[in-house]
Amino acid sequence: MEDHFARTGAAKATVLEGSKHASIVEPKAADQAKDKRRTAKEIDKHEVIGLIAQGLSYHKVEEQVGIPKGTLRYRLKKWGLVGLDQIKAKELLGSAAQPEDMAVQNASLKDYEQKLAEWDSLNQELQQLRIEHTSLKKDYEELSKLHEDSANRAKILLDRCLELEEGLKKWNDNDNETQELLLEIMAERDQLSKHAAEVQVQFAEMLEDRNNWKQTALEAKQAIAELEALRGLGVTNKTADNVNSPAHYTQGGIETIDYIRAKLTPEEFIGYCKGNILKYVSRASHKGGLEDLRKAGKYIEFAVKS
């Protein structure tokens, strides 16, 4: 009896010792089994097929669904999808689309449309930037041209300033000669002004002489008219020869008046006639009377015919 209890106790002790050892090992295995059960439950076959159909590699799919690296091939083998690639995945999705597959496709399509919209927006921004770049390039070219024109004008102005400085230097060098020339010009101007004043005086005298001549001619004409009137009344004019052809002026075969006309210039001869006209008109009332007036008229005739 005692041996039986002893053996029974030893067996229990062995069982207890084995159970303690098992209690140390089993938690780790249990955790792995639990992880496997959780992973198997969470992985969706249609999701995996949809990701492969999008062109993702096995490694990317594993990262996407959250399974350990290198376990996707095992899952595909388990599902009877060994060697599944993008083309076969698309065929599977097209031949038997489940609601879950449609959701994945819709999500992918929505993501694609969103990316397409973003691309369109970026493309519009790019176009706008190109337009702005073209405008800025044009502005830059215009500014460059303006800068070039300004530089050319500045060079021209600088050259002109240098020419003026050189001219000013020459002017300063020749200042004495210039002053002398200026004094000569001023002196000549004064002489011309004086001569112009003299010419004006002479012109005024000529105008006065002309007016006197007109008055003398008018008086002579009146005297001749009076003489003609007297002749019409029968008054004998014994001095006609002394007026038209005086005997004391015809000695030597030529009249003195013709000799004087030949020796004088036309201007001098007219002056000579004017002097005689004034003489005879002035003394008519004191000496010769009508004869002197006729002589004055004769000299008027000489002056007119010259």
Protein backbone atom coordinates (compact mmCIF):
# COMPACT_ATOMS: atom_id res chain seq x y z
CA MET A 1 0.00 0.00 0.00
CA GLU A 2 2.77 2.32 0.94
CA ASP A 3 4.58 1.47 -2.30
CA HIS A 4 1.46 2.34 -4.25
CA PHE A 5 1.19 5.74 -2.65
CA ALA A 6 4.85 6.30 -3.17
CA ARG A 7 4.63 5.53 -6.84
CA THR A 8 1.50 7.59 -7.14
CA GLY A 9 3.21 10.55 -5.46
CA ALA A 10 6.25 10.23 -7.69
CA ALA A 11 4.03 10.17 -10.77
CA LYS A 12 2.20 13.25 -9.59
CA ALA A 13 5.47 15.01 -8.93
CA THR A 14 6.63 14.14 -12.43
CA VAL A 15 3.40 15.38 -13.92
CA LEU A 16 3.61 18.59 -11.90
CA GLU A 17 7.21 19.12 -12.96
CA GLY A 18 6.29 18.55 -16.62
CA SER A 19 3.35 20.82 -16.33
CA LYS A 20 5.57 23.58 -14.91
CA HIS A 21 7.94 23.20 -17.84
CA ALA A 22 5.04 23.19 -20.26
CA SER A 23 3.66 26.30 -18.63
CA ILE A 24 6.87 28.10 -19.54
CA VAL A 25 6.92 27.00 -23.22
CA GLU A 26 3.22 27.05 -23.98
CA PRO A 27 2.63 30.86 -23.69
CA LYS A 28 5.01 31.64 -26.56
CA ALA A 29 3.53 28.99 -28.82
CA ALA A 30 0.08 30.06 -27.79
CA ASP A 31 0.87 33.66 -28.70
CA GLN A 32 2.17 32.61 -32.11
CA ALA A 33 -0.91 30.51 -32.71
CA LYS A 34 -3.07 33.38 -31.60
CA ASP A 35 -1.24 35.73 -33.99
CA LYS A 36 -1.69 33.24 -36.81
CA ARG A 37 -5.39 32.95 -36.07
CA ARG A 38 -5.76 36.73 -35.90
CA THR A 39 -3.78 37.25 -39.12
CA ALA A 40 -5.73 34.58 -40.96
CA LYS A 41 -8.96 36.15 -39.84
CA GLU A 42 -8.03 39.71 -40.72
CA ILE A 43 -6.51 39.11 -44.19
CA ASP A 44 -9.08 39.47 -46.96
CA LYS A 45 -8.45 37.57 -50.16
CA HIS A 46 -10.28 40.06 -52.38
CA GLU A 47 -8.30 42.94 -50.90
CA VAL A 48 -5.05 41.13 -51.68
CA ILE A 49 -6.20 40.40 -55.25
CA GLY A 50 -7.20 44.06 -55.72
CA LEU A 51 -3.81 45.30 -54.52
CA ILE A 52 -1.98 42.90 -56.86
CA ALA A 53 -4.28 44.02 -59.69
CA GLN A 54 -3.10 47.58 -59.02
CA GLY A 55 0.45 46.46 -59.78
CA LEU A 56 1.79 46.27 -56.24
CA SER A 57 4.57 43.78 -55.54
CA TYR A 58 4.14 40.98 -52.99
CA HIS A 59 6.34 42.83 -50.58
CA LYS A 60 4.24 46.00 -50.89
CA VAL A 61 1.04 43.98 -50.47
CA GLU A 62 2.43 42.38 -47.31
CA GLU A 63 3.21 45.81 -45.93
CA GLN A 64 -0.18 47.10 -46.98
CA VAL A 65 -2.25 44.36 -45.30
CA GLY A 66 0.13 44.04 -42.31
CA ILE A 67 1.33 40.44 -42.57
CA PRO A 68 4.85 39.14 -41.96
CA LYS A 69 7.29 39.35 -44.82
CA GLY A 70 7.39 36.29 -47.07
CA THR A 71 4.00 34.88 -45.94
CA LEU A 72 1.93 36.14 -48.90
CA ARG A 73 2.96 33.26 -51.16
CA TYR A 74 1.76 30.83 -48.51
CA ARG A 75 -1.61 32.60 -48.40
CA LEU A 76 -1.93 32.55 -52.19
CA LYS A 77 -1.09 28.85 -52.25
CA LYS A 78 -3.68 28.23 -49.60
CA TRP A 79 -6.27 30.13 -51.69
CA GLY A 80 -5.25 28.23 -54.86
CA LEU A 81 -3.76 31.36 -56.41
CA VAL A 82 -0.12 30.29 -56.84
CA GLY A 83 1.78 32.65 -59.16
CA LEU A 84 -0.89 35.33 -59.10
CA ASP A 85 0.24 38.43 -61.02
CA GLN A 86 -1.40 41.72 -62.07
CA ILE A 87 -2.99 40.35 -65.24
CA LYS A 88 -4.51 37.31 -63.54
CA ALA A 89 -5.67 39.48 -60.64
CA LYS A 90 -7.48 41.81 -63.06
CA GLU A 91 -9.08 38.80 -64.80
CA LEU A 92 -10.29 37.48 -61.44
CA LEU A 93 -11.72 40.85 -60.50
CA GLY A 94 -13.41 41.18 -63.90
CA SER A 95 -14.89 37.65 -64.00
CA ALA A 96 -16.28 37.53 -60.46
CA ALA A 97 -16.53 40.93 -58.86
CA GLN A 98 -17.75 40.85 -55.33
CA PRO A 99 -19.02 43.85 -53.44
CA GLU A 100 -15.77 44.00 -51.56
CA ASP A 101 -13.84 43.99 -54.85
CA MET A 102 -16.03 46.79 -56.21
CA ALA A 103 -15.34 48.82 -53.08
CA VAL A 104 -11.61 48.35 -53.61
CA GLN A 105 -11.94 49.31 -57.28
CA ASN A 106 -14.09 52.30 -56.44
CA ALA A 107 -11.60 53.38 -53.83
CA SER A 108 -8.78 52.94 -56.34
CA LEU A 109 -10.76 54.80 -59.00
CA LYS A 110 -11.53 57.59 -56.57
CA ASP A 111 -7.90 57.78 -55.60
CA TYR A 112 -6.95 57.87 -59.29
CA GLU A 113 -9.48 60.61 -60.02
CA GLN A 114 -8.19 62.59 -57.06
CA LYS A 115 -4.64 62.22 -58.30
CA LEU A 116 -5.80 63.13 -61.81
CA ALA A 117 -7.48 66.28 -60.44
CA GLU A 118 -4.31 67.11 -58.56
CA TRP A 119 -2.34 66.55 -61.74
CA ASP A 120 -4.70 68.84 -63.68
CA SER A 121 -4.31 71.48 -60.99
CA LEU A 122 -0.54 71.12 -61.09
CA ASN A 123 -0.66 71.24 -64.90
CA GLN A 124 -2.70 74.48 -64.78
CA GLU A 125 -0.24 75.94 -62.31
CA LEU A 126 2.56 74.86 -64.62
CA GLN A 127 0.87 76.54 -67.58
CA GLN A 128 0.37 79.70 -65.53
CA LEU A 129 4.00 79.60 -64.48
CA ARG A 130 5.01 79.19 -68.11
CA ILE A 131 2.91 82.22 -69.06
CA GLU A 132 4.41 84.23 -66.21
CA HIS A 133 7.86 83.03 -67.24
CA THR A 134 7.23 84.15 -70.83
CA SER A 135 5.98 87.53 -69.60
CA LEU A 136 8.96 87.93 -67.29
CA LYS A 137 11.29 86.94 -70.10
CA LYS A 138 9.70 89.55 -72.37
CA ASP A 139 9.95 92.19 -69.62
CA TYR A 140 13.57 91.21 -69.08
CA GLU A 141 14.31 91.58 -72.80
CA GLU A 142 12.62 95.00 -72.86
CA LEU A 143 14.54 96.09 -69.77
CA SER A 144 17.74 94.81 -71.33
CA LYS A 145 17.03 96.82 -74.47
CA LEU A 146 16.22 99.92 -72.42
CA HIS A 147 19.40 99.42 -70.46
CA GLU A 148 21.38 99.10 -73.67
CA ASP A 149 19.74 102.25 -75.11
CA SER A 150 20.42 104.12 -71.87
CA ALA A 151 24.01 103.00 -71.92
CA ASN A 152 24.38 104.19 -75.54
CA ARG A 153 22.82 107.57 -74.72
CA ALA A 154 25.03 107.89 -71.67
CA LYS A 155 28.08 107.19 -73.85
CA ILE A 156 26.96 109.81 -76.38
CA LEU A 157 26.43 112.36 -73.60
CA LEU A 158 29.81 111.53 -72.12
CA ASP A 159 31.50 111.98 -75.49
CA ARG A 160 29.68 115.29 -75.93
CA CYS A 161 30.80 116.44 -72.48
CA LEU A 162 34.38 115.57 -73.37
CA GLU A 163 34.07 117.56 -76.62
CA LEU A 164 32.66 120.55 -74.71
CA GLU A 165 35.45 120.34 -72.17
CA GLU A 166 38.00 120.25 -74.97
CA GLY A 167 36.32 123.20 -76.66
CA LEU A 168 36.26 125.13 -73.40
CA LYS A 169 39.95 124.42 -72.93
CA LYS A 170 40.70 125.70 -76.43
CA TRP A 171 38.51 128.73 -75.78
CA ASN A 172 40.46 129.53 -72.62
CA ASP A 173 43.73 129.07 -74.50
CA ASN A 174 42.59 131.46 -77.23
CA ASP A 175 40.86 133.86 -74.88
CA ASN A 176 43.17 136.79 -75.69
CA GLU A 177 42.70 136.41 -79.43
CA THR A 178 38.97 136.09 -78.93
CA GLN A 179 38.86 139.26 -76.84
CA GLU A 180 40.79 141.18 -79.49
CA LEU A 181 38.52 139.88 -82.22
CA LEU A 182 35.49 140.81 -80.15
CA LEU A 183 36.83 144.35 -79.67
CA GLU A 184 37.39 144.66 -83.42
CA ILE A 185 33.87 143.48 -84.11
CA MET A 186 32.46 145.96 -81.60
CA ALA A 187 34.48 148.81 -83.13
CA GLU A 188 33.30 147.88 -86.60
CA ARG A 189 29.76 147.74 -85.30
CA ASP A 190 30.11 151.26 -83.89
CA GLN A 191 31.42 152.52 -87.22
CA LEU A 192 28.55 150.90 -89.05
CA SER A 193 26.09 152.44 -86.61
CA LYS A 194 27.69 155.88 -87.14
CA HIS A 195 27.60 155.44 -90.91
CA ALA A 196 23.97 154.34 -90.72
CA ALA A 197 23.16 157.51 -88.77
CA GLU A 198 24.93 159.61 -91.40
CA VAL A 199 23.03 157.84 -94.17
CA GLN A 200 19.78 158.56 -92.37
CA VAL A 201 20.71 162.26 -92.13
CA GLN A 202 21.62 162.35 -95.82
CA PHE A 203 18.40 160.62 -96.67
CA ALA A 204 16.45 163.16 -94.65
CA GLU A 205 18.30 165.97 -96.48
CA MET A 206 17.53 164.37 -99.83
CA LEU A 207 13.87 164.18 -98.87
CA GLU A 208 13.96 167.83 -97.91
CA ASP A 209 15.72 168.75 -101.19
CA ARG A 210 13.13 166.79 -103.10
CA ASN A 211 10.33 168.66 -101.40
CA ASN A 212 12.12 171.98 -102.12
CA TRP A 213 12.60 170.92 -105.74
CA LYS A 214 8.94 170.15 -106.06
CA GLN A 215 8.06 173.52 -104.57
CA THR A 216 10.51 175.32 -106.89
CA ALA A 217 9.22 173.47 -109.91
CA LEU A 218 5.68 174.39 -108.92
CA GLU A 219 6.60 178.07 -108.60
CA ALA A 220 8.42 177.99 -111.96
CA LYS A 221 5.42 176.41 -113.64
CA GLN A 222 3.21 179.13 -112.17
CA ALA A 223 5.60 181.81 -113.44
CA ILE A 224 5.66 180.29 -116.91
CA ALA A 225 1.88 180.15 -116.88
CA GLU A 226 1.80 183.83 -115.99
CA LEU A 227 4.24 184.65 -118.78
CA GLU A 228 2.18 182.69 -121.27
CA ALA A 229 -0.86 184.58 -120.08
CA LEU A 230 0.91 187.87 -120.64
CA ARG A 231 2.00 186.72 -124.12
CA GLY A 232 -1.59 185.96 -124.91
CA LEU A 233 -2.48 189.52 -123.97
CA GLY A 234 0.03 190.87 -126.59
CA VAL A 235 2.82 191.85 -124.24
CA THR A 236 6.11 191.94 -126.22
CA ASN A 237 8.86 189.80 -124.72
CA LYS A 238 12.09 191.35 -125.79
CA THR A 239 14.16 189.02 -123.69
CA ALA A 240 13.19 185.81 -125.43
CA ASP A 241 16.62 185.45 -127.00
CA ASN A 242 18.30 186.09 -123.66
CA VAL A 243 16.29 183.16 -122.27
CA ASN A 244 16.41 180.55 -125.05
CA SER A 245 19.68 181.43 -126.77
CA PRO A 246 21.57 184.30 -125.15
CA ALA A 247 24.12 185.83 -127.53
CA HIS A 248 26.77 186.11 -124.83
CA TYR A 249 26.55 182.35 -124.26
CA THR A 250 26.95 181.31 -127.93
CA GLN A 251 30.45 182.59 -128.64
CA GLY A 252 32.86 179.99 -130.04
CA GLY A 253 30.25 177.94 -131.93
CA ILE A 254 28.77 176.17 -128.90
CA GLU A 255 26.42 177.29 -126.18
CA THR A 256 27.85 177.37 -122.69
CA ILE A 257 25.03 175.17 -121.32
CA ASP A 258 25.95 172.38 -123.74
CA TYR A 259 29.63 172.64 -122.74
CA ILE A 260 28.70 172.46 -119.05
CA ARG A 261 26.43 169.42 -119.67
CA ALA A 262 29.30 167.69 -121.48
CA LYS A 263 31.79 168.31 -118.68
CA LEU A 264 29.55 167.35 -115.72
CA THR A 265 27.97 164.07 -114.70
CA PRO A 266 24.17 163.87 -114.88
CA GLU A 267 23.92 164.30 -111.12
CA GLU A 268 26.29 167.27 -111.14
CA PHE A 269 24.45 168.87 -114.05
CA ILE A 270 21.10 168.53 -112.25
CA GLY A 271 22.68 170.15 -109.19
CA TYR A 272 23.95 172.98 -111.39
CA CYS A 273 20.45 173.46 -112.83
CA LYS A 274 18.92 173.43 -109.35
CA GLY A 275 21.30 176.20 -108.24
CA ASN A 276 20.40 178.41 -111.18
CA ILE A 277 16.70 177.75 -110.69
CA LEU A 278 16.96 178.89 -107.07
CA LYS A 279 18.99 181.92 -108.12
CA TYR A 280 16.57 183.19 -110.76
CA VAL A 281 13.45 182.46 -108.74
CA SER A 282 14.92 184.20 -105.68
CA ARG A 283 15.93 187.43 -107.57
CA ALA A 284 12.93 187.65 -109.90
CA SER A 285 11.10 190.09 -107.67
CA HIS A 286 14.23 192.21 -107.15
CA LYS A 287 15.96 192.30 -110.53
CA GLY A 288 14.85 190.54 -113.70
CA GLY A 289 11.20 189.96 -113.05
CA LEU A 290 9.52 187.78 -115.64
CA GLU A 291 12.76 187.25 -117.54
CA ASP A 292 14.35 185.68 -114.48
CA LEU A 293 11.32 183.42 -114.04
CA ARG A 294 11.59 182.33 -117.69
CA LYS A 295 15.28 181.60 -117.15
CA ALA A 296 14.37 179.47 -114.12
CA GLY A 297 11.84 177.62 -116.26
CA LYS A 298 14.53 177.03 -118.90
CA TYR A 299 16.85 175.48 -116.32
CA ILE A 300 13.95 173.28 -115.18
CA GLU A 301 13.66 172.14 -118.79
CA PHE A 302 17.42 171.44 -118.90
CA ALA A 303 17.24 169.40 -115.70
CA VAL A 304 14.25 167.38 -116.87
CA LYS A 305 15.83 166.55 -120.25
CA SER A 306 19.15 165.51 -118.70
